Amino acid sequence: MIDDLRELYQEVIFDHYRKPRNFRHMDDANRQAQGYNPLCGDKVTVLLRLEDGLIRDASFEGAGCAISIASASLMTDILKGKSEAEALRLMDDFHGMVTGVAASAADVGKLRALAGVREFPQRVKCATLAWHTLRAALENSQETVTTE
């Protein structure tokens, strides 16, 4: 059963890597931030359109490993329609899940596919890069986010 679940999660990760959702430039974005993981060279730009405190649209651009791209793809999918506070709470839940800090993460939906990253500490930065960049975009920060 556990092997079947791992296989399913791997399929989700590779599907989002091969066909990333929301991988596009958003011309009407009103928030954006850039992130960089010098350890493996992942680069991401997170673009958001916020209206009335809600994330109406989310997209990303960049290049990176399968985990980094899949994480950004899953993240942008799940963010749409969320408030800024909900997005930050989700980020905290996700971070707790992939770092192993939270014994049992809240319901993170499809993001659970990345839970296995906690077994590979060097890959946690790949999985969290887009999320740290999201925080910078929500804070309207102009500085490039780095995982170092």
N, C-alpha and C. Protein backbone atom coordinates (compact mmCIF):
# COMPACT_ATOMS: atom_id res chain seq x y z
N MET A 1 0.82 -1.20 0.00
CA MET A 1 0.00 0.00 0.00
C MET A 1 0.87 1.27 0.00
N ILE A 2 1.90 1.30 0.84
CA ILE A 2 2.77 2.47 0.90
C ILE A 2 3.51 2.66 -0.41
N ASP A 3 3.95 1.56 -1.01
CA ASP A 3 4.63 1.67 -2.30
C ASP A 3 3.70 2.21 -3.37
N ASP A 4 2.42 1.80 -3.35
CA ASP A 4 1.44 2.32 -4.30
C ASP A 4 1.25 3.82 -4.12
N LEU A 5 1.22 4.28 -2.88
CA LEU A 5 1.05 5.70 -2.59
C LEU A 5 2.27 6.48 -3.07
N ARG A 6 3.47 5.95 -2.81
CA ARG A 6 4.69 6.61 -3.29
C ARG A 6 4.69 6.73 -4.81
N GLU A 7 4.27 5.66 -5.46
CA GLU A 7 4.22 5.66 -6.92
C GLU A 7 3.24 6.70 -7.43
N LEU A 8 2.07 6.79 -6.79
CA LEU A 8 1.08 7.80 -7.17
C LEU A 8 1.66 9.20 -6.99
N TYR A 9 2.31 9.45 -5.86
CA TYR A 9 2.90 10.76 -5.60
C TYR A 9 3.97 11.09 -6.63
N GLN A 10 4.79 10.10 -6.98
CA GLN A 10 5.81 10.33 -7.99
C GLN A 10 5.18 10.68 -9.33
N GLU A 11 4.08 10.03 -9.66
CA GLU A 11 3.38 10.33 -10.91
C GLU A 11 2.86 11.76 -10.90
N VAL A 12 2.32 12.20 -9.77
CA VAL A 12 1.81 13.58 -9.66
C VAL A 12 2.96 14.56 -9.86
N ILE A 13 4.09 14.31 -9.20
CA ILE A 13 5.25 15.21 -9.33
C ILE A 13 5.73 15.28 -10.78
N PHE A 14 5.89 14.12 -11.41
CA PHE A 14 6.38 14.13 -12.79
C PHE A 14 5.37 14.71 -13.77
N ASP A 15 4.09 14.53 -13.51
CA ASP A 15 3.06 15.13 -14.36
C ASP A 15 3.15 16.65 -14.29
N HIS A 16 3.29 17.19 -13.08
CA HIS A 16 3.38 18.65 -12.92
C HIS A 16 4.72 19.19 -13.43
N TYR A 17 5.73 18.35 -13.46
CA TYR A 17 7.03 18.78 -14.01
C TYR A 17 6.96 18.81 -15.54
N ARG A 18 6.40 17.76 -16.13
CA ARG A 18 6.33 17.68 -17.59
C ARG A 18 5.32 18.67 -18.18
N LYS A 19 4.21 18.85 -17.49
CA LYS A 19 3.15 19.75 -17.95
C LYS A 19 2.75 20.69 -16.82
N PRO A 20 3.64 21.63 -16.49
CA PRO A 20 3.34 22.51 -15.35
C PRO A 20 2.10 23.37 -15.59
N ARG A 21 1.28 23.44 -14.58
CA ARG A 21 0.09 24.29 -14.64
C ARG A 21 0.51 25.72 -14.32
N ASN A 22 -0.14 26.66 -14.97
CA ASN A 22 0.07 28.09 -14.71
C ASN A 22 1.49 28.56 -15.02
N PHE A 23 2.20 27.85 -15.90
CA PHE A 23 3.54 28.25 -16.30
C PHE A 23 3.39 29.23 -17.45
N ARG A 24 3.37 30.50 -17.10
CA ARG A 24 3.15 31.54 -18.11
C ARG A 24 3.43 32.91 -17.49
N HIS A 25 3.66 33.87 -18.36
CA HIS A 25 3.77 35.25 -17.91
C HIS A 25 2.36 35.81 -17.78
N MET A 26 2.12 36.49 -16.71
CA MET A 26 0.81 37.10 -16.49
C MET A 26 0.95 38.61 -16.65
N ASP A 27 0.40 39.14 -17.74
CA ASP A 27 0.53 40.56 -18.03
C ASP A 27 -0.16 41.45 -17.00
N ASP A 28 -1.24 40.97 -16.39
CA ASP A 28 -1.98 41.81 -15.46
C ASP A 28 -1.64 41.52 -13.99
N ALA A 29 -0.50 40.91 -13.75
CA ALA A 29 -0.06 40.66 -12.37
C ALA A 29 0.18 41.98 -11.67
N ASN A 30 -0.24 42.07 -10.41
CA ASN A 30 0.05 43.28 -9.65
C ASN A 30 1.01 43.01 -8.49
N ARG A 31 1.47 41.77 -8.39
CA ARG A 31 2.53 41.40 -7.45
C ARG A 31 3.41 40.35 -8.12
N GLN A 32 4.69 40.45 -7.88
CA GLN A 32 5.59 39.42 -8.38
C GLN A 32 6.87 39.45 -7.57
N ALA A 33 7.55 38.32 -7.55
CA ALA A 33 8.83 38.22 -6.87
C ALA A 33 9.66 37.15 -7.56
N GLN A 34 10.96 37.25 -7.38
CA GLN A 34 11.88 36.29 -7.98
C GLN A 34 12.59 35.53 -6.88
N GLY A 35 12.85 34.24 -7.18
CA GLY A 35 13.57 33.40 -6.23
C GLY A 35 14.66 32.62 -6.92
N TYR A 36 15.68 32.28 -6.13
CA TYR A 36 16.84 31.57 -6.67
C TYR A 36 17.38 30.61 -5.62
N ASN A 37 17.65 29.39 -6.06
CA ASN A 37 18.26 28.37 -5.21
C ASN A 37 19.66 28.12 -5.74
N PRO A 38 20.69 28.73 -5.14
CA PRO A 38 22.04 28.58 -5.66
C PRO A 38 22.58 27.15 -5.54
N LEU A 39 22.00 26.34 -4.66
CA LEU A 39 22.46 24.97 -4.48
C LEU A 39 22.31 24.15 -5.76
N CYS A 40 21.16 24.33 -6.45
CA CYS A 40 20.97 23.53 -7.68
C CYS A 40 20.62 24.40 -8.89
N GLY A 41 20.55 25.71 -8.72
CA GLY A 41 20.34 26.59 -9.85
C GLY A 41 18.88 26.87 -10.19
N ASP A 42 17.94 26.38 -9.37
CA ASP A 42 16.52 26.65 -9.63
C ASP A 42 16.25 28.16 -9.59
N LYS A 43 15.46 28.63 -10.55
CA LYS A 43 15.04 30.03 -10.58
C LYS A 43 13.54 30.06 -10.81
N VAL A 44 12.86 30.94 -10.10
CA VAL A 44 11.41 31.04 -10.26
C VAL A 44 10.97 32.49 -10.09
N THR A 45 9.99 32.88 -10.88
CA THR A 45 9.30 34.15 -10.70
C THR A 45 7.85 33.80 -10.44
N VAL A 46 7.32 34.27 -9.33
CA VAL A 46 5.92 34.05 -8.98
C VAL A 46 5.17 35.33 -9.29
N LEU A 47 4.08 35.19 -10.03
CA LEU A 47 3.25 36.33 -10.42
C LEU A 47 1.85 36.14 -9.85
N LEU A 48 1.30 37.20 -9.26
CA LEU A 48 -0.03 37.13 -8.65
C LEU A 48 -0.87 38.30 -9.12
N ARG A 49 -2.16 38.04 -9.22
CA ARG A 49 -3.13 39.12 -9.39
C ARG A 49 -4.02 39.09 -8.17
N LEU A 50 -3.85 40.10 -7.32
CA LEU A 50 -4.64 40.22 -6.10
C LEU A 50 -5.75 41.24 -6.32
N GLU A 51 -6.94 40.89 -5.89
CA GLU A 51 -8.08 41.81 -5.94
C GLU A 51 -8.91 41.60 -4.69
N ASP A 52 -9.19 42.68 -4.00
CA ASP A 52 -10.02 42.63 -2.79
C ASP A 52 -9.50 41.60 -1.78
N GLY A 53 -8.18 41.50 -1.65
CA GLY A 53 -7.58 40.61 -0.68
C GLY A 53 -7.54 39.15 -1.08
N LEU A 54 -7.99 38.85 -2.30
CA LEU A 54 -7.98 37.46 -2.78
C LEU A 54 -7.00 37.29 -3.94
N ILE A 55 -6.41 36.11 -4.00
CA ILE A 55 -5.54 35.78 -5.13
C ILE A 55 -6.45 35.31 -6.26
N ARG A 56 -6.66 36.18 -7.22
CA ARG A 56 -7.54 35.86 -8.35
C ARG A 56 -6.85 35.02 -9.41
N ASP A 57 -5.52 35.21 -9.53
CA ASP A 57 -4.76 34.42 -10.49
C ASP A 57 -3.33 34.29 -9.97
N ALA A 58 -2.71 33.18 -10.32
CA ALA A 58 -1.32 32.93 -9.92
C ALA A 58 -0.63 32.18 -11.05
N SER A 59 0.59 32.57 -11.34
CA SER A 59 1.37 31.87 -12.36
C SER A 59 2.83 31.93 -11.96
N PHE A 60 3.65 31.23 -12.73
CA PHE A 60 5.08 31.26 -12.47
C PHE A 60 5.84 31.06 -13.77
N GLU A 61 7.09 31.50 -13.73
CA GLU A 61 8.03 31.30 -14.82
C GLU A 61 9.34 30.85 -14.18
N GLY A 62 10.18 30.21 -14.95
CA GLY A 62 11.48 29.83 -14.43
C GLY A 62 11.94 28.49 -14.93
N ALA A 63 12.99 28.02 -14.32
CA ALA A 63 13.58 26.73 -14.69
C ALA A 63 14.13 26.09 -13.43
N GLY A 64 14.05 24.77 -13.41
CA GLY A 64 14.58 24.08 -12.25
C GLY A 64 14.35 22.59 -12.33
N CYS A 65 14.63 21.93 -11.24
CA CYS A 65 14.47 20.48 -11.16
C CYS A 65 12.99 20.11 -11.08
N ALA A 66 12.72 18.83 -11.17
CA ALA A 66 11.34 18.33 -11.17
C ALA A 66 10.61 18.75 -9.90
N ILE A 67 11.26 18.69 -8.76
CA ILE A 67 10.61 19.02 -7.49
C ILE A 67 10.27 20.51 -7.44
N SER A 68 11.18 21.34 -7.86
CA SER A 68 10.97 22.79 -7.85
C SER A 68 9.81 23.19 -8.77
N ILE A 69 9.81 22.67 -9.98
CA ILE A 69 8.75 23.00 -10.95
C ILE A 69 7.41 22.43 -10.50
N ALA A 70 7.40 21.19 -10.03
CA ALA A 70 6.15 20.57 -9.58
C ALA A 70 5.58 21.32 -8.39
N SER A 71 6.43 21.75 -7.48
CA SER A 71 5.97 22.50 -6.32
C SER A 71 5.32 23.82 -6.74
N ALA A 72 5.97 24.54 -7.65
CA ALA A 72 5.42 25.81 -8.14
C ALA A 72 4.10 25.58 -8.87
N SER A 73 4.02 24.53 -9.65
CA SER A 73 2.81 24.20 -10.40
C SER A 73 1.65 23.89 -9.45
N LEU A 74 1.91 23.01 -8.48
CA LEU A 74 0.88 22.65 -7.50
C LEU A 74 0.47 23.87 -6.68
N MET A 75 1.46 24.68 -6.30
CA MET A 75 1.19 25.87 -5.48
C MET A 75 0.27 26.84 -6.22
N THR A 76 0.60 27.16 -7.48
CA THR A 76 -0.21 28.15 -8.20
C THR A 76 -1.63 27.63 -8.43
N ASP A 77 -1.77 26.32 -8.59
CA ASP A 77 -3.11 25.73 -8.75
C ASP A 77 -3.96 25.91 -7.50
N ILE A 78 -3.36 25.67 -6.36
CA ILE A 78 -4.11 25.65 -5.11
C ILE A 78 -4.38 27.05 -4.55
N LEU A 79 -3.61 28.04 -4.98
CA LEU A 79 -3.74 29.39 -4.43
C LEU A 79 -4.94 30.17 -4.93
N LYS A 80 -5.39 29.87 -6.11
CA LYS A 80 -6.45 30.68 -6.73
C LYS A 80 -7.70 30.70 -5.87
N GLY A 81 -8.15 31.92 -5.57
CA GLY A 81 -9.35 32.11 -4.76
C GLY A 81 -9.08 32.21 -3.27
N LYS A 82 -7.83 32.00 -2.87
CA LYS A 82 -7.47 32.07 -1.45
C LYS A 82 -7.16 33.51 -1.06
N SER A 83 -7.40 33.82 0.21
CA SER A 83 -7.00 35.12 0.73
C SER A 83 -5.50 35.09 1.00
N GLU A 84 -4.93 36.26 1.22
CA GLU A 84 -3.50 36.32 1.53
C GLU A 84 -3.21 35.54 2.80
N ALA A 85 -4.07 35.67 3.81
CA ALA A 85 -3.88 34.95 5.07
C ALA A 85 -3.96 33.44 4.87
N GLU A 86 -4.90 33.00 4.06
CA GLU A 86 -5.02 31.56 3.77
C GLU A 86 -3.78 31.05 3.04
N ALA A 87 -3.27 31.85 2.12
CA ALA A 87 -2.07 31.46 1.37
C ALA A 87 -0.88 31.31 2.31
N LEU A 88 -0.73 32.24 3.24
CA LEU A 88 0.39 32.18 4.18
C LEU A 88 0.24 31.00 5.15
N ARG A 89 -0.99 30.70 5.55
CA ARG A 89 -1.24 29.55 6.41
C ARG A 89 -0.90 28.25 5.67
N LEU A 90 -1.30 28.20 4.40
CA LEU A 90 -1.01 27.03 3.58
C LEU A 90 0.51 26.87 3.41
N MET A 91 1.19 27.99 3.24
CA MET A 91 2.65 27.95 3.12
C MET A 91 3.26 27.36 4.39
N ASP A 92 2.79 27.81 5.54
CA ASP A 92 3.31 27.29 6.81
C ASP A 92 3.03 25.80 6.95
N ASP A 93 1.83 25.37 6.57
CA ASP A 93 1.48 23.94 6.63
C ASP A 93 2.37 23.13 5.69
N PHE A 94 2.57 23.65 4.49
CA PHE A 94 3.41 22.96 3.50
C PHE A 94 4.84 22.86 4.01
N HIS A 95 5.36 23.97 4.52
CA HIS A 95 6.73 24.00 5.02
C HIS A 95 6.90 22.99 6.16
N GLY A 96 5.94 22.96 7.07
CA GLY A 96 5.99 22.00 8.16
C GLY A 96 5.97 20.56 7.68
N MET A 97 5.20 20.32 6.63
CA MET A 97 5.12 18.97 6.07
C MET A 97 6.45 18.54 5.46
N VAL A 98 7.05 19.38 4.62
CA VAL A 98 8.27 18.97 3.91
C VAL A 98 9.52 19.01 4.78
N THR A 99 9.48 19.75 5.88
CA THR A 99 10.64 19.78 6.77
C THR A 99 10.51 18.75 7.89
N GLY A 100 9.31 18.19 8.04
CA GLY A 100 9.09 17.21 9.09
C GLY A 100 8.85 17.85 10.44
N VAL A 101 8.73 19.19 10.48
CA VAL A 101 8.49 19.89 11.74
C VAL A 101 7.09 19.58 12.25
N ALA A 102 6.13 19.52 11.35
CA ALA A 102 4.75 19.22 11.74
C ALA A 102 4.56 17.71 11.64
N ALA A 103 4.20 17.11 12.76
CA ALA A 103 4.00 15.65 12.78
C ALA A 103 2.91 15.26 11.79
N SER A 104 1.87 16.04 11.75
CA SER A 104 0.76 15.78 10.83
C SER A 104 0.29 17.10 10.27
N ALA A 105 0.66 17.38 9.05
CA ALA A 105 0.30 18.66 8.42
C ALA A 105 -1.21 18.73 8.22
N ALA A 106 -1.71 19.92 8.22
CA ALA A 106 -3.12 20.14 7.94
C ALA A 106 -3.44 19.62 6.55
N ASP A 107 -4.68 19.68 6.18
CA ASP A 107 -5.08 19.19 4.86
C ASP A 107 -4.46 20.09 3.79
N VAL A 108 -3.47 19.56 3.10
CA VAL A 108 -2.78 20.31 2.06
C VAL A 108 -3.14 19.80 0.67
N GLY A 109 -4.10 18.89 0.60
CA GLY A 109 -4.58 18.40 -0.69
C GLY A 109 -3.49 17.76 -1.51
N LYS A 110 -3.45 18.13 -2.79
CA LYS A 110 -2.49 17.53 -3.73
C LYS A 110 -1.04 17.82 -3.36
N LEU A 111 -0.83 18.84 -2.53
CA LEU A 111 0.54 19.15 -2.10
C LEU A 111 1.16 17.99 -1.33
N ARG A 112 0.32 17.10 -0.82
CA ARG A 112 0.81 15.93 -0.08
C ARG A 112 1.77 15.10 -0.95
N ALA A 113 1.67 15.23 -2.27
CA ALA A 113 2.57 14.50 -3.18
C ALA A 113 4.03 14.83 -2.91
N LEU A 114 4.29 15.99 -2.32
CA LEU A 114 5.67 16.41 -2.05
C LEU A 114 6.13 16.08 -0.63
N ALA A 115 5.31 15.38 0.14
CA ALA A 115 5.64 15.06 1.53
C ALA A 115 6.93 14.25 1.64
N GLY A 116 7.20 13.40 0.67
CA GLY A 116 8.40 12.56 0.71
C GLY A 116 9.70 13.33 0.66
N VAL A 117 9.64 14.60 0.30
CA VAL A 117 10.83 15.43 0.22
C VAL A 117 11.53 15.49 1.58
N ARG A 118 10.76 15.39 2.65
CA ARG A 118 11.36 15.47 3.99
C ARG A 118 12.41 14.38 4.22
N GLU A 119 12.35 13.32 3.45
CA GLU A 119 13.34 12.25 3.57
C GLU A 119 14.66 12.60 2.89
N PHE A 120 14.67 13.71 2.14
CA PHE A 120 15.85 14.16 1.41
C PHE A 120 16.08 15.64 1.73
N PRO A 121 16.68 15.93 2.87
CA PRO A 121 16.83 17.33 3.32
C PRO A 121 17.42 18.27 2.28
N GLN A 122 18.31 17.78 1.44
CA GLN A 122 18.91 18.65 0.42
C GLN A 122 17.88 19.09 -0.62
N ARG A 123 16.74 18.39 -0.72
CA ARG A 123 15.72 18.73 -1.72
C ARG A 123 14.62 19.63 -1.15
N VAL A 124 14.62 19.85 0.16
CA VAL A 124 13.60 20.70 0.78
C VAL A 124 13.65 22.11 0.20
N LYS A 125 14.85 22.62 -0.05
CA LYS A 125 14.97 23.96 -0.62
C LYS A 125 14.38 24.04 -2.02
N CYS A 126 14.46 22.94 -2.76
CA CYS A 126 13.85 22.89 -4.09
C CYS A 126 12.33 23.00 -3.98
N ALA A 127 11.78 22.26 -3.02
CA ALA A 127 10.33 22.22 -2.84
C ALA A 127 9.77 23.52 -2.28
N THR A 128 10.57 24.24 -1.49
CA THR A 128 10.04 25.44 -0.83
C THR A 128 10.39 26.76 -1.53
N LEU A 129 11.22 26.70 -2.57
CA LEU A 129 11.62 27.94 -3.25
C LEU A 129 10.42 28.76 -3.72
N ALA A 130 9.50 28.15 -4.42
CA ALA A 130 8.33 28.90 -4.93
C ALA A 130 7.52 29.48 -3.79
N TRP A 131 7.44 28.76 -2.68
CA TRP A 131 6.66 29.21 -1.53
C TRP A 131 7.29 30.42 -0.86
N HIS A 132 8.60 30.41 -0.70
CA HIS A 132 9.27 31.58 -0.13
C HIS A 132 9.14 32.77 -1.08
N THR A 133 9.15 32.49 -2.37
CA THR A 133 8.98 33.54 -3.37
C THR A 133 7.55 34.07 -3.33
N LEU A 134 6.59 33.19 -3.08
CA LEU A 134 5.20 33.62 -2.90
C LEU A 134 5.09 34.62 -1.75
N ARG A 135 5.73 34.31 -0.62
CA ARG A 135 5.68 35.22 0.53
C ARG A 135 6.22 36.59 0.13
N ALA A 136 7.34 36.61 -0.59
CA ALA A 136 7.93 37.88 -1.03
C ALA A 136 6.97 38.64 -1.95
N ALA A 137 6.28 37.91 -2.83
CA ALA A 137 5.32 38.56 -3.73
C ALA A 137 4.16 39.16 -2.92
N LEU A 138 3.67 38.42 -1.95
CA LEU A 138 2.57 38.93 -1.12
C LEU A 138 3.00 40.16 -0.33
N GLU A 139 4.26 40.18 0.09
CA GLU A 139 4.80 41.33 0.82
C GLU A 139 5.26 42.44 -0.11
N ASN A 140 5.14 42.22 -1.42
CA ASN A 140 5.54 43.18 -2.45
C ASN A 140 7.03 43.53 -2.33
N SER A 141 7.83 42.53 -1.97
CA SER A 141 9.28 42.71 -1.82
C SER A 141 9.94 42.69 -3.20
N GLN A 142 10.90 43.55 -3.38
CA GLN A 142 11.60 43.63 -4.67
C GLN A 142 12.93 42.88 -4.65
N GLU A 143 13.32 42.35 -3.48
CA GLU A 143 14.58 41.63 -3.38
C GLU A 143 14.40 40.18 -3.80
N THR A 144 15.38 39.65 -4.49
CA THR A 144 15.35 38.25 -4.92
C THR A 144 15.44 37.36 -3.69
N VAL A 145 14.54 36.40 -3.60
CA VAL A 145 14.54 35.43 -2.52
C VAL A 145 15.61 34.40 -2.82
N THR A 146 16.36 34.03 -1.80
CA THR A 146 17.35 32.99 -1.97
C THR A 146 17.16 31.95 -0.88
N THR A 147 17.49 30.72 -1.19
CA THR A 147 17.34 29.64 -0.21
C THR A 147 18.58 29.49 0.65
N GLU A 148 19.56 30.35 0.47
CA GLU A 148 20.79 30.30 1.30
C GLU A 148 20.67 31.20 2.47
